Amino acid sequence: SAIVDCSLLTVIYVNDLNEYYRSYDGVLFDKDMQTLISFPAARMGSYELPLSVENIEPYAFYGSNLTSVTLTENIQQVG
């Protein structure tokens, strides 16, 4: 929840050596990319989830300016 209210955030970077988190295309995921944790609020347009994503954390898209999100058939839980 540390970055939930960062309304000007357009990209999230994570060091490749981080054991728990990963950034892919500027979006924050768990290391295995099974859980989308946070989407940058100021990023606009549409977004298609990677096929590996099974879970979306609560508030992952809070305050986002997205016009659409494409979910995959692998989604099991939306927080």
PDB file of N, CA and C in Angstrom:
ATOM      1  N   SER A   1       0.814  -1.210   0.000  1.00  0.00           N
ATOM      2  CA  SER A   1       0.000   0.000   0.000  1.00  0.00           C
ATOM      3  C   SER A   1       0.850   1.263   0.000  1.00  0.00           C
ATOM      4  N   ALA A   2       2.159   1.113  -0.005  1.00  0.00           N
ATOM      5  CA  ALA A   2       3.047   2.268   0.066  1.00  0.00           C
ATOM      6  C   ALA A   2       2.934   3.178  -1.149  1.00  0.00           C
ATOM      7  N   ILE A   3       2.544   2.640  -2.292  1.00  0.00           N
ATOM      8  CA  ILE A   3       2.486   3.456  -3.504  1.00  0.00           C
ATOM      9  C   ILE A   3       1.063   3.644  -4.028  1.00  0.00           C
ATOM     10  N   VAL A   4       0.073   3.298  -3.232  1.00  0.00           N
ATOM     11  CA  VAL A   4      -1.323   3.402  -3.661  1.00  0.00           C
ATOM     12  C   VAL A   4      -1.713   4.833  -4.009  1.00  0.00           C
ATOM     13  N   ASP A   5      -1.292   5.795  -3.241  1.00  0.00           N
ATOM     14  CA  ASP A   5      -1.689   7.188  -3.465  1.00  0.00           C
ATOM     15  C   ASP A   5      -0.685   7.996  -4.280  1.00  0.00           C
ATOM     16  N   CYS A   6       0.182   7.340  -5.005  1.00  0.00           N
ATOM     17  CA  CYS A   6       1.163   8.036  -5.853  1.00  0.00           C
ATOM     18  C   CYS A   6       0.529   8.302  -7.212  1.00  0.00           C
ATOM     19  N   SER A   7      -0.247   9.353  -7.293  1.00  0.00           N
ATOM     20  CA  SER A   7      -1.063   9.616  -8.480  1.00  0.00           C
ATOM     21  C   SER A   7      -0.261  10.026  -9.712  1.00  0.00           C
ATOM     22  N   LEU A   8       1.004  10.374  -9.556  1.00  0.00           N
ATOM     23  CA  LEU A   8       1.835  10.774 -10.699  1.00  0.00           C
ATOM     24  C   LEU A   8       2.777   9.663 -11.155  1.00  0.00           C
ATOM     25  N   LEU A   9       2.679   8.514 -10.530  1.00  0.00           N
ATOM     26  CA  LEU A   9       3.562   7.392 -10.848  1.00  0.00           C
ATOM     27  C   LEU A   9       3.210   6.795 -12.207  1.00  0.00           C
ATOM     28  N   THR A  10       4.200   6.725 -13.105  1.00  0.00           N
ATOM     29  CA  THR A  10       3.953   6.178 -14.448  1.00  0.00           C
ATOM     30  C   THR A  10       4.633   4.835 -14.680  1.00  0.00           C
ATOM     31  N   VAL A  11       5.631   4.522 -13.862  1.00  0.00           N
ATOM     32  CA  VAL A  11       6.356   3.264 -14.022  1.00  0.00           C
ATOM     33  C   VAL A  11       6.924   2.837 -12.669  1.00  0.00           C
ATOM     34  N   ILE A  12       7.014   1.532 -12.465  1.00  0.00           N
ATOM     35  CA  ILE A  12       7.589   0.977 -11.242  1.00  0.00           C
ATOM     36  C   ILE A  12       8.782   0.117 -11.647  1.00  0.00           C
ATOM     37  N   TYR A  13       9.938   0.404 -11.065  1.00  0.00           N
ATOM     38  CA  TYR A  13      11.140  -0.377 -11.332  1.00  0.00           C
ATOM     39  C   TYR A  13      11.504  -1.181 -10.089  1.00  0.00           C
ATOM     40  N   VAL A  14      11.967  -2.415 -10.304  1.00  0.00           N
ATOM     41  CA  VAL A  14      12.438  -3.259  -9.218  1.00  0.00           C
ATOM     42  C   VAL A  14      13.800  -3.806  -9.625  1.00  0.00           C
ATOM     43  N   ASN A  15      14.737  -3.768  -8.720  1.00  0.00           N
ATOM     44  CA  ASN A  15      16.064  -4.311  -8.965  1.00  0.00           C
ATOM     45  C   ASN A  15      15.942  -5.795  -9.318  1.00  0.00           C
ATOM     46  N   ASP A  16      16.672  -6.229 -10.331  1.00  0.00           N
ATOM     47  CA  ASP A  16      16.634  -7.628 -10.766  1.00  0.00           C
ATOM     48  C   ASP A  16      17.050  -8.609  -9.674  1.00  0.00           C
ATOM     49  N   LEU A  17      17.796  -8.142  -8.691  1.00  0.00           N
ATOM     50  CA  LEU A  17      18.245  -9.009  -7.605  1.00  0.00           C
ATOM     51  C   LEU A  17      17.223  -9.144  -6.476  1.00  0.00           C
ATOM     52  N   ASN A  18      16.126  -8.414  -6.557  1.00  0.00           N
ATOM     53  CA  ASN A  18      15.102  -8.501  -5.523  1.00  0.00           C
ATOM     54  C   ASN A  18      14.526  -9.915  -5.480  1.00  0.00           C
ATOM     55  N   GLU A  19      14.454 -10.496  -4.299  1.00  0.00           N
ATOM     56  CA  GLU A  19      13.992 -11.878  -4.132  1.00  0.00           C
ATOM     57  C   GLU A  19      12.476 -12.036  -4.154  1.00  0.00           C
ATOM     58  N   TYR A  20      11.728 -10.952  -3.963  1.00  0.00           N
ATOM     59  CA  TYR A  20      10.291 -11.071  -3.757  1.00  0.00           C
ATOM     60  C   TYR A  20       9.433 -10.401  -4.832  1.00  0.00           C
ATOM     61  N   TYR A  21       9.973  -9.389  -5.477  1.00  0.00           N
ATOM     62  CA  TYR A  21       9.185  -8.609  -6.429  1.00  0.00           C
ATOM     63  C   TYR A  21       9.873  -8.512  -7.778  1.00  0.00           C
ATOM     64  N   ARG A  22       9.050  -8.213  -8.787  1.00  0.00           N
ATOM     65  CA  ARG A  22       9.555  -8.041 -10.145  1.00  0.00           C
ATOM     66  C   ARG A  22       8.753  -6.946 -10.821  1.00  0.00           C
ATOM     67  N   SER A  23       9.434  -6.180 -11.627  1.00  0.00           N
ATOM     68  CA  SER A  23       8.765  -5.192 -12.456  1.00  0.00           C
ATOM     69  C   SER A  23       8.779  -5.711 -13.882  1.00  0.00           C
ATOM     70  N   TYR A  24       7.624  -5.700 -14.498  1.00  0.00           N
ATOM     71  CA  TYR A  24       7.516  -6.104 -15.901  1.00  0.00           C
ATOM     72  C   TYR A  24       6.690  -5.049 -16.616  1.00  0.00           C
ATOM     73  N   ASP A  25       7.256  -4.456 -17.633  1.00  0.00           N
ATOM     74  CA  ASP A  25       6.577  -3.398 -18.383  1.00  0.00           C
ATOM     75  C   ASP A  25       6.146  -2.250 -17.457  1.00  0.00           C
ATOM     76  N   GLY A  26       6.944  -2.026 -16.394  1.00  0.00           N
ATOM     77  CA  GLY A  26       6.675  -0.929 -15.479  1.00  0.00           C
ATOM     78  C   GLY A  26       5.599  -1.194 -14.452  1.00  0.00           C
ATOM     79  N   VAL A  27       5.149  -2.438 -14.344  1.00  0.00           N
ATOM     80  CA  VAL A  27       4.085  -2.828 -13.417  1.00  0.00           C
ATOM     81  C   VAL A  27       4.692  -3.742 -12.356  1.00  0.00           C
ATOM     82  N   LEU A  28       4.214  -3.639 -11.107  1.00  0.00           N
ATOM     83  CA  LEU A  28       4.768  -4.407  -9.994  1.00  0.00           C
ATOM     84  C   LEU A  28       4.047  -5.743  -9.823  1.00  0.00           C
ATOM     85  N   PHE A  29       4.841  -6.821  -9.828  1.00  0.00           N
ATOM     86  CA  PHE A  29       4.349  -8.184  -9.635  1.00  0.00           C
ATOM     87  C   PHE A  29       5.145  -8.865  -8.534  1.00  0.00           C
ATOM     88  N   ASP A  30       4.648 -10.027  -8.064  1.00  0.00           N
ATOM     89  CA  ASP A  30       5.474 -10.866  -7.216  1.00  0.00           C
ATOM     90  C   ASP A  30       6.563 -11.473  -8.106  1.00  0.00           C
ATOM     91  N   LYS A  31       7.550 -12.106  -7.518  1.00  0.00           N
ATOM     92  CA  LYS A  31       8.713 -12.595  -8.262  1.00  0.00           C
ATOM     93  C   LYS A  31       8.325 -13.573  -9.377  1.00  0.00           C
ATOM     94  N   ASP A  32       7.322 -14.409  -9.148  1.00  0.00           N
ATOM     95  CA  ASP A  32       6.905 -15.409 -10.134  1.00  0.00           C
ATOM     96  C   ASP A  32       5.921 -14.861 -11.166  1.00  0.00           C
ATOM     97  N   MET A  33       5.570 -13.601 -11.004  1.00  0.00           N
ATOM     98  CA  MET A  33       4.596 -12.937 -11.886  1.00  0.00           C
ATOM     99  C   MET A  33       3.241 -13.645 -11.901  1.00  0.00           C
ATOM    100  N   GLN A  34       2.866 -14.205 -10.767  1.00  0.00           N
ATOM    101  CA  GLN A  34       1.552 -14.811 -10.636  1.00  0.00           C
ATOM    102  C   GLN A  34       0.557 -13.835 -10.019  1.00  0.00           C
ATOM    103  N   THR A  35       1.076 -12.798  -9.361  1.00  0.00           N
ATOM    104  CA  THR A  35       0.222 -11.822  -8.702  1.00  0.00           C
ATOM    105  C   THR A  35       0.591 -10.413  -9.140  1.00  0.00           C
ATOM    106  N   LEU A  36      -0.386  -9.685  -9.660  1.00  0.00           N
ATOM    107  CA  LEU A  36      -0.203  -8.270  -9.968  1.00  0.00           C
ATOM    108  C   LEU A  36      -0.419  -7.523  -8.661  1.00  0.00           C
ATOM    109  N   ILE A  37       0.567  -6.758  -8.247  1.00  0.00           N
ATOM    110  CA  ILE A  37       0.507  -6.066  -6.964  1.00  0.00           C
ATOM    111  C   ILE A  37       0.081  -4.616  -7.118  1.00  0.00           C
ATOM    112  N   SER A  38       0.692  -3.899  -8.064  1.00  0.00           N
ATOM    113  CA  SER A  38       0.362  -2.488  -8.211  1.00  0.00           C
ATOM    114  C   SER A  38       0.613  -2.020  -9.641  1.00  0.00           C
ATOM    115  N   PHE A  39      -0.343  -1.272 -10.152  1.00  0.00           N
ATOM    116  CA  PHE A  39      -0.257  -0.688 -11.481  1.00  0.00           C
ATOM    117  C   PHE A  39      -0.057   0.812 -11.317  1.00  0.00           C
ATOM    118  N   PRO A  40       0.899   1.413 -12.022  1.00  0.00           N
ATOM    119  CA  PRO A  40       1.159   2.849 -11.871  1.00  0.00           C
ATOM    120  C   PRO A  40      -0.078   3.695 -12.203  1.00  0.00           C
ATOM    121  N   ALA A  41      -0.503   4.506 -11.265  1.00  0.00           N
ATOM    122  CA  ALA A  41      -1.754   5.257 -11.383  1.00  0.00           C
ATOM    123  C   ALA A  41      -1.789   6.221 -12.567  1.00  0.00           C
ATOM    124  N   ALA A  42      -0.670   6.816 -12.915  1.00  0.00           N
ATOM    125  CA  ALA A  42      -0.671   7.824 -13.977  1.00  0.00           C
ATOM    126  C   ALA A  42      -0.512   7.235 -15.375  1.00  0.00           C
ATOM    127  N   ARG A  43      -0.336   5.952 -15.459  1.00  0.00           N
ATOM    128  CA  ARG A  43      -0.218   5.311 -16.772  1.00  0.00           C
ATOM    129  C   ARG A  43      -1.595   5.251 -17.419  1.00  0.00           C
ATOM    130  N   MET A  44      -1.665   5.611 -18.666  1.00  0.00           N
ATOM    131  CA  MET A  44      -2.957   5.714 -19.351  1.00  0.00           C
ATOM    132  C   MET A  44      -3.084   4.678 -20.460  1.00  0.00           C
ATOM    133  N   GLY A  45      -4.287   4.557 -20.966  1.00  0.00           N
ATOM    134  CA  GLY A  45      -4.545   3.671 -22.100  1.00  0.00           C
ATOM    135  C   GLY A  45      -5.115   2.345 -21.669  1.00  0.00           C
ATOM    136  N   SER A  46      -4.726   1.304 -22.377  1.00  0.00           N
ATOM    137  CA  SER A  46      -5.222  -0.036 -22.073  1.00  0.00           C
ATOM    138  C   SER A  46      -4.060  -0.901 -21.592  1.00  0.00           C
ATOM    139  N   TYR A  47      -4.400  -2.016 -20.957  1.00  0.00           N
ATOM    140  CA  TYR A  47      -3.376  -2.912 -20.440  1.00  0.00           C
ATOM    141  C   TYR A  47      -3.866  -4.343 -20.552  1.00  0.00           C
ATOM    142  N   GLU A  48      -2.990  -5.210 -21.020  1.00  0.00           N
ATOM    143  CA  GLU A  48      -3.296  -6.638 -21.103  1.00  0.00           C
ATOM    144  C   GLU A  48      -2.402  -7.378 -20.121  1.00  0.00           C
ATOM    145  N   LEU A  49      -3.020  -8.117 -19.212  1.00  0.00           N
ATOM    146  CA  LEU A  49      -2.253  -8.855 -18.209  1.00  0.00           C
ATOM    147  C   LEU A  49      -1.422  -9.955 -18.854  1.00  0.00           C
ATOM    148  N   PRO A  50      -0.210 -10.187 -18.352  1.00  0.00           N
ATOM    149  CA  PRO A  50       0.576 -11.325 -18.827  1.00  0.00           C
ATOM    150  C   PRO A  50      -0.161 -12.639 -18.504  1.00  0.00           C
ATOM    151  N   LEU A  51       0.066 -13.651 -19.304  1.00  0.00           N
ATOM    152  CA  LEU A  51      -0.610 -14.935 -19.116  1.00  0.00           C
ATOM    153  C   LEU A  51      -0.288 -15.599 -17.788  1.00  0.00           C
ATOM    154  N   SER A  52       0.847 -15.284 -17.195  1.00  0.00           N
ATOM    155  CA  SER A  52       1.259 -15.905 -15.932  1.00  0.00           C
ATOM    156  C   SER A  52       0.436 -15.427 -14.732  1.00  0.00           C
ATOM    157  N   VAL A  53      -0.247 -14.307 -14.865  1.00  0.00           N
ATOM    158  CA  VAL A  53      -0.959 -13.710 -13.730  1.00  0.00           C
ATOM    159  C   VAL A  53      -2.210 -14.512 -13.385  1.00  0.00           C
ATOM    160  N   GLU A  54      -2.304 -14.893 -12.104  1.00  0.00           N
ATOM    161  CA  GLU A  54      -3.462 -15.618 -11.590  1.00  0.00           C
ATOM    162  C   GLU A  54      -4.249 -14.793 -10.582  1.00  0.00           C
ATOM    163  N   ASN A  55      -3.590 -13.835  -9.943  1.00  0.00           N
ATOM    164  CA  ASN A  55      -4.211 -13.052  -8.871  1.00  0.00           C
ATOM    165  C   ASN A  55      -3.955 -11.565  -9.065  1.00  0.00           C
ATOM    166  N   ILE A  56      -4.933 -10.775  -8.669  1.00  0.00           N
ATOM    167  CA  ILE A  56      -4.795  -9.317  -8.676  1.00  0.00           C
ATOM    168  C   ILE A  56      -5.049  -8.839  -7.256  1.00  0.00           C
ATOM    169  N   GLU A  57      -4.069  -8.177  -6.690  1.00  0.00           N
ATOM    170  CA  GLU A  57      -4.174  -7.687  -5.319  1.00  0.00           C
ATOM    171  C   GLU A  57      -5.255  -6.611  -5.188  1.00  0.00           C
ATOM    172  N   PRO A  58      -5.841  -6.484  -3.977  1.00  0.00           N
ATOM    173  CA  PRO A  58      -6.776  -5.374  -3.751  1.00  0.00           C
ATOM    174  C   PRO A  58      -6.087  -4.038  -4.033  1.00  0.00           C
ATOM    175  N   TYR A  59      -6.796  -3.155  -4.651  1.00  0.00           N
ATOM    176  CA  TYR A  59      -6.322  -1.805  -4.963  1.00  0.00           C
ATOM    177  C   TYR A  59      -5.177  -1.770  -5.980  1.00  0.00           C
ATOM    178  N   ALA A  60      -4.929  -2.852  -6.683  1.00  0.00           N
ATOM    179  CA  ALA A  60      -3.842  -2.884  -7.659  1.00  0.00           C
ATOM    180  C   ALA A  60      -4.017  -1.816  -8.740  1.00  0.00           C
ATOM    181  N   PHE A  61      -5.261  -1.509  -9.077  1.00  0.00           N
ATOM    182  CA  PHE A  61      -5.533  -0.503 -10.104  1.00  0.00           C
ATOM    183  C   PHE A  61      -6.121   0.778  -9.506  1.00  0.00           C
ATOM    184  N   TYR A  62      -6.000   0.952  -8.205  1.00  0.00           N
ATOM    185  CA  TYR A  62      -6.583   2.104  -7.525  1.00  0.00           C
ATOM    186  C   TYR A  62      -6.077   3.413  -8.123  1.00  0.00           C
ATOM    187  N   GLY A  63      -6.993   4.275  -8.496  1.00  0.00           N
ATOM    188  CA  GLY A  63      -6.652   5.588  -9.016  1.00  0.00           C
ATOM    189  C   GLY A  63      -6.078   5.595 -10.417  1.00  0.00           C
ATOM    190  N   SER A  64      -6.105   4.444 -11.090  1.00  0.00           N
ATOM    191  CA  SER A  64      -5.483   4.380 -12.414  1.00  0.00           C
ATOM    192  C   SER A  64      -6.306   5.126 -13.456  1.00  0.00           C
ATOM    193  N   ASN A  65      -5.636   5.508 -14.518  1.00  0.00           N
ATOM    194  CA  ASN A  65      -6.253   6.221 -15.632  1.00  0.00           C
ATOM    195  C   ASN A  65      -6.463   5.307 -16.828  1.00  0.00           C
ATOM    196  N   LEU A  66      -6.530   4.026 -16.599  1.00  0.00           N
ATOM    197  CA  LEU A  66      -6.699   3.076 -17.692  1.00  0.00           C
ATOM    198  C   LEU A  66      -8.087   3.189 -18.324  1.00  0.00           C
ATOM    199  N   THR A  67      -8.131   2.921 -19.604  1.00  0.00           N
ATOM    200  CA  THR A  67      -9.424   2.892 -20.302  1.00  0.00           C
ATOM    201  C   THR A  67      -9.945   1.469 -20.404  1.00  0.00           C
ATOM    202  N   SER A  68      -9.026   0.469 -20.341  1.00  0.00           N
ATOM    203  CA  SER A  68      -9.456  -0.932 -20.353  1.00  0.00           C
ATOM    204  C   SER A  68      -8.344  -1.831 -19.821  1.00  0.00           C
ATOM    205  N   VAL A  69      -8.766  -2.971 -19.274  1.00  0.00           N
ATOM    206  CA  VAL A  69      -7.843  -3.997 -18.796  1.00  0.00           C
ATOM    207  C   VAL A  69      -8.318  -5.319 -19.377  1.00  0.00           C
ATOM    208  N   THR A  70      -7.407  -6.039 -20.017  1.00  0.00           N
ATOM    209  CA  THR A  70      -7.739  -7.341 -20.580  1.00  0.00           C
ATOM    210  C   THR A  70      -7.254  -8.415 -19.627  1.00  0.00           C
ATOM    211  N   LEU A  71      -8.222  -9.171 -19.097  1.00  0.00           N
ATOM    212  CA  LEU A  71      -7.898 -10.265 -18.188  1.00  0.00           C
ATOM    213  C   LEU A  71      -7.731 -11.542 -18.995  1.00  0.00           C
ATOM    214  N   THR A  72      -6.931 -12.458 -18.483  1.00  0.00           N
ATOM    215  CA  THR A  72      -6.732 -13.736 -19.164  1.00  0.00           C
ATOM    216  C   THR A  72      -7.581 -14.822 -18.495  1.00  0.00           C
ATOM    217  N   GLU A  73      -7.642 -15.962 -19.122  1.00  0.00           N
ATOM    218  CA  GLU A  73      -8.405 -17.073 -18.564  1.00  0.00           C
ATOM    219  C   GLU A  73      -7.736 -17.668 -17.328  1.00  0.00           C
ATOM    220  N   ASN A  74      -6.504 -17.264 -17.045  1.00  0.00           N
ATOM    221  CA  ASN A  74      -5.775 -17.790 -15.889  1.00  0.00           C
ATOM    222  C   ASN A  74      -6.110 -17.079 -14.586  1.00  0.00           C
ATOM    223  N   ILE A  75      -6.845 -15.990 -14.641  1.00  0.00           N
ATOM    224  CA  ILE A  75      -7.173 -15.242 -13.429  1.00  0.00           C
ATOM    225  C   ILE A  75      -8.064 -16.087 -12.519  1.00  0.00           C
ATOM    226  N   GLN A  76      -7.604 -16.216 -11.272  1.00  0.00           N
ATOM    227  CA  GLN A  76      -8.345 -17.000 -10.280  1.00  0.00           C
ATOM    228  C   GLN A  76      -8.938 -16.128  -9.179  1.00  0.00           C
ATOM    229  N   GLN A  77      -8.284 -14.996  -8.900  1.00  0.00           N
ATOM    230  CA  GLN A  77      -8.750 -14.151  -7.802  1.00  0.00           C
ATOM    231  C   GLN A  77      -8.480 -12.685  -8.108  1.00  0.00           C
ATOM    232  N   VAL A  78      -9.503 -11.875  -7.867  1.00  0.00           N
ATOM    233  CA  VAL A  78      -9.382 -10.418  -7.994  1.00  0.00           C
ATOM    234  C   VAL A  78      -9.696  -9.839  -6.632  1.00  0.00           C
ATOM    235  N   GLY A  79      -8.724  -9.151  -6.038  1.00  0.00           N
ATOM    236  CA  GLY A  79      -8.895  -8.592  -4.695  1.00  0.00           C
ATOM    237  C   GLY A  79      -9.784  -7.394  -4.659  1.00  0.00           C
TER     238      GLY A  79
END
